[in-house]
Protein backbone atom coordinates (compact mmCIF):
# COMPACT_ATOMS: atom_id res chain seq x y z
CA MET A 1 177.83 39.18 111.71
CA GLY A 2 177.27 38.71 115.42
CA GLU A 3 180.73 40.01 116.23
CA GLN A 4 181.20 43.01 118.41
CA LEU A 5 183.68 45.53 117.03
CA ILE A 6 184.24 47.39 120.32
CA PRO A 7 185.17 45.21 123.28
CA THR A 8 183.17 45.85 126.40
CA PRO A 9 184.46 45.59 129.95
CA PRO A 10 183.19 42.80 132.18
CA GLU A 11 181.14 45.39 134.12
CA ASP A 12 179.28 48.32 132.63
CA LEU A 13 179.82 51.82 134.00
CA THR A 14 176.97 51.49 136.48
CA GLY A 15 178.56 48.54 138.24
CA HIS A 16 176.33 45.85 136.75
CA ALA A 17 177.92 42.78 135.25
CA GLY A 18 177.05 42.00 131.68
CA GLY A 19 179.44 43.93 129.55
CA VAL A 20 176.96 46.45 128.11
CA LEU A 21 177.68 50.15 128.51
CA LEU A 22 174.50 51.79 129.73
CA PHE A 23 175.29 55.47 129.39
CA SER A 24 171.75 56.45 130.35
CA LYS A 25 172.48 55.12 133.83
CA LEU A 26 175.48 57.39 134.35
CA PRO A 27 175.01 60.28 136.75
CA THR A 28 174.59 63.50 134.86
CA CYS A 29 175.01 67.10 135.72
CA THR A 30 172.65 69.38 133.87
CA ILE A 31 173.00 73.12 134.11
CA ASN A 32 169.95 74.97 132.88
CA ILE A 33 170.89 78.60 132.83
CA GLY A 34 167.89 80.75 132.09
CA TYR A 35 165.39 77.97 131.43
CA ASN A 36 162.71 76.28 133.43
CA GLU A 37 160.70 73.32 132.13
CA ASN A 38 157.50 74.92 133.46
CA MET A 39 157.90 77.94 131.23
CA SER A 40 157.83 78.16 127.45
CA HIS A 41 160.61 80.75 127.31
CA LYS A 42 163.76 81.82 129.05
CA PRO A 43 162.99 83.58 132.35
CA TYR A 44 165.25 86.52 131.70
CA SER A 45 163.22 87.70 128.74
CA LEU A 46 161.58 91.07 128.35
CA ILE A 47 158.57 90.00 130.46
CA PHE A 48 160.97 89.02 133.27
CA TRP A 49 162.49 92.51 133.31
CA ILE A 50 159.10 94.22 133.15
CA HIS A 51 157.87 92.03 136.00
CA SER A 52 161.05 92.80 137.96
CA ALA A 53 160.61 96.55 137.48
CA VAL A 54 156.95 96.44 138.59
CA ASN A 55 157.85 94.42 141.69
CA LEU A 56 160.71 96.75 142.64
CA LEU A 57 158.48 99.77 142.08
CA PHE A 58 155.85 98.20 144.35
CA LEU A 59 158.37 97.22 147.03
CA PHE A 60 159.89 100.71 147.20
CA SER A 61 156.69 102.66 146.51
CA TRP A 62 156.52 103.72 150.17
CA LEU A 63 159.75 105.70 149.61
CA LEU A 64 159.00 107.01 146.14
CA PHE A 65 155.37 108.11 146.15
CA SER A 66 152.85 109.93 148.25
CA TRP A 67 150.57 107.85 150.45
CA TRP A 68 147.51 108.25 148.23
CA ILE A 69 149.38 106.98 145.14
CA VAL A 70 150.59 103.92 147.08
CA LEU A 71 147.11 103.17 148.39
CA PHE A 72 145.64 103.63 144.91
CA GLY A 73 148.22 101.13 143.61
CA GLN A 74 147.17 98.70 146.36
CA VAL A 75 143.55 98.99 145.21
CA ILE A 76 144.61 98.32 141.58
CA LEU A 77 146.60 95.27 142.74
CA PHE A 78 143.61 93.97 144.72
CA LEU A 79 141.25 94.50 141.78
CA GLN A 80 143.69 92.71 139.46
CA TYR A 81 143.67 89.65 141.74
CA LYS A 82 139.84 89.67 141.97
CA ILE A 83 139.07 90.36 138.30
CA PHE A 84 141.75 88.26 136.62
CA GLY A 85 142.18 85.60 139.31
CA GLY A 86 145.80 86.51 139.96
CA CYS A 87 148.67 88.55 138.60
CA VAL A 88 148.43 89.31 134.90
CA LEU A 89 152.21 89.48 134.48
CA SER A 90 152.65 86.10 136.22
CA LYS A 91 150.10 84.55 133.89
CA ILE A 92 152.04 85.90 130.90
CA GLU A 93 155.45 84.88 132.23
CA PHE A 94 154.66 81.51 133.84
CA LYS A 95 151.42 80.55 132.08
CA ASP A 96 149.78 80.33 135.50
CA ASP A 97 149.55 82.43 138.66
CA THR A 98 153.02 81.63 140.01
CA ALA A 99 154.14 84.41 142.34
CA TRP A 100 157.26 86.12 140.96
CA ILE A 101 158.97 86.94 144.27
CA PRO A 102 158.90 83.47 145.88
CA TYR A 103 159.67 81.76 142.57
CA TYR A 104 162.86 83.71 141.85
CA LEU A 105 164.04 83.98 145.45
CA HIS A 106 163.77 80.18 145.69
CA ARG A 107 165.37 79.69 142.27
CA TRP A 108 168.29 81.93 143.22
CA LYS A 109 168.55 80.00 146.53
CA LEU A 110 167.89 83.07 148.67
CA ILE A 111 165.01 81.35 150.50
CA LYS A 112 164.34 77.74 151.39
CA ASP A 113 160.59 77.70 151.95
CA ARG A 114 158.82 78.97 148.86
CA GLU A 115 155.36 78.38 150.35
CA LYS A 116 155.95 80.61 153.41
CA CYS A 117 157.29 83.34 151.12
CA LEU A 118 154.20 82.95 148.93
CA VAL A 119 151.90 83.40 151.92
CA PHE A 120 153.81 86.51 153.02
CA THR A 121 153.90 87.93 149.48
CA ARG A 122 150.22 87.39 148.76
CA ASN A 123 148.71 88.07 152.19
CA HIS A 124 150.97 90.41 154.13
CA MET A 125 153.30 92.39 151.87
CA SER A 126 150.61 94.86 150.72
CA VAL A 127 149.69 95.57 154.34
CA VAL A 128 153.35 96.15 155.23
CA VAL A 129 153.88 98.57 152.32
CA ALA A 130 150.64 100.44 153.08
CA GLY A 131 151.52 100.62 156.76
CA LEU A 132 155.00 101.93 156.01
CA VAL A 133 153.75 104.70 153.78
CA LEU A 134 151.05 105.80 156.23
CA VAL A 135 153.34 105.79 159.25
CA LEU A 136 156.15 107.59 157.41
CA HIS A 137 153.84 110.22 155.97
CA PHE A 138 151.50 110.93 158.90
CA VAL A 139 153.68 110.14 161.91
CA PHE A 140 157.11 111.25 160.71
CA GLY A 141 156.11 113.76 158.04
CA PHE A 142 158.23 112.00 155.40
CA LYS A 143 158.20 113.57 151.97
CA PRO A 144 158.28 111.10 149.05
CA LEU A 145 161.30 111.08 146.74
CA ILE A 146 159.26 111.45 143.50
CA PHE A 147 155.59 112.43 144.04
């Protein structure tokens, strides 16, 4: 009864003597494509694509729309943060107010410091977009591509 059917080496695979294979101690390589333990779904779901489209629309709004539409969008964004305590789409996608741009840029290894990107995204990006649209429209007479 106490016999072992499979002989074990004098050392296990982790280098410890004792003859017991401890597979849980082996180094592992886990590839999580499209999943993050902080989220209850895969990040490339429909909400990811909607959030992506909204962010791209915001980032390029200074090229696409007239200055008053861009500034109106800035007011809506500001009110959203004040009324809902953050981005509604982030709360749906991440279950908290994780900022989309720093999260994915860091995940895709395009930035190293997620916190600096978060500060820029939340505090300065709106000012940059508003400044671009006002300078292009009033200084250079730029006509928007759509409205």
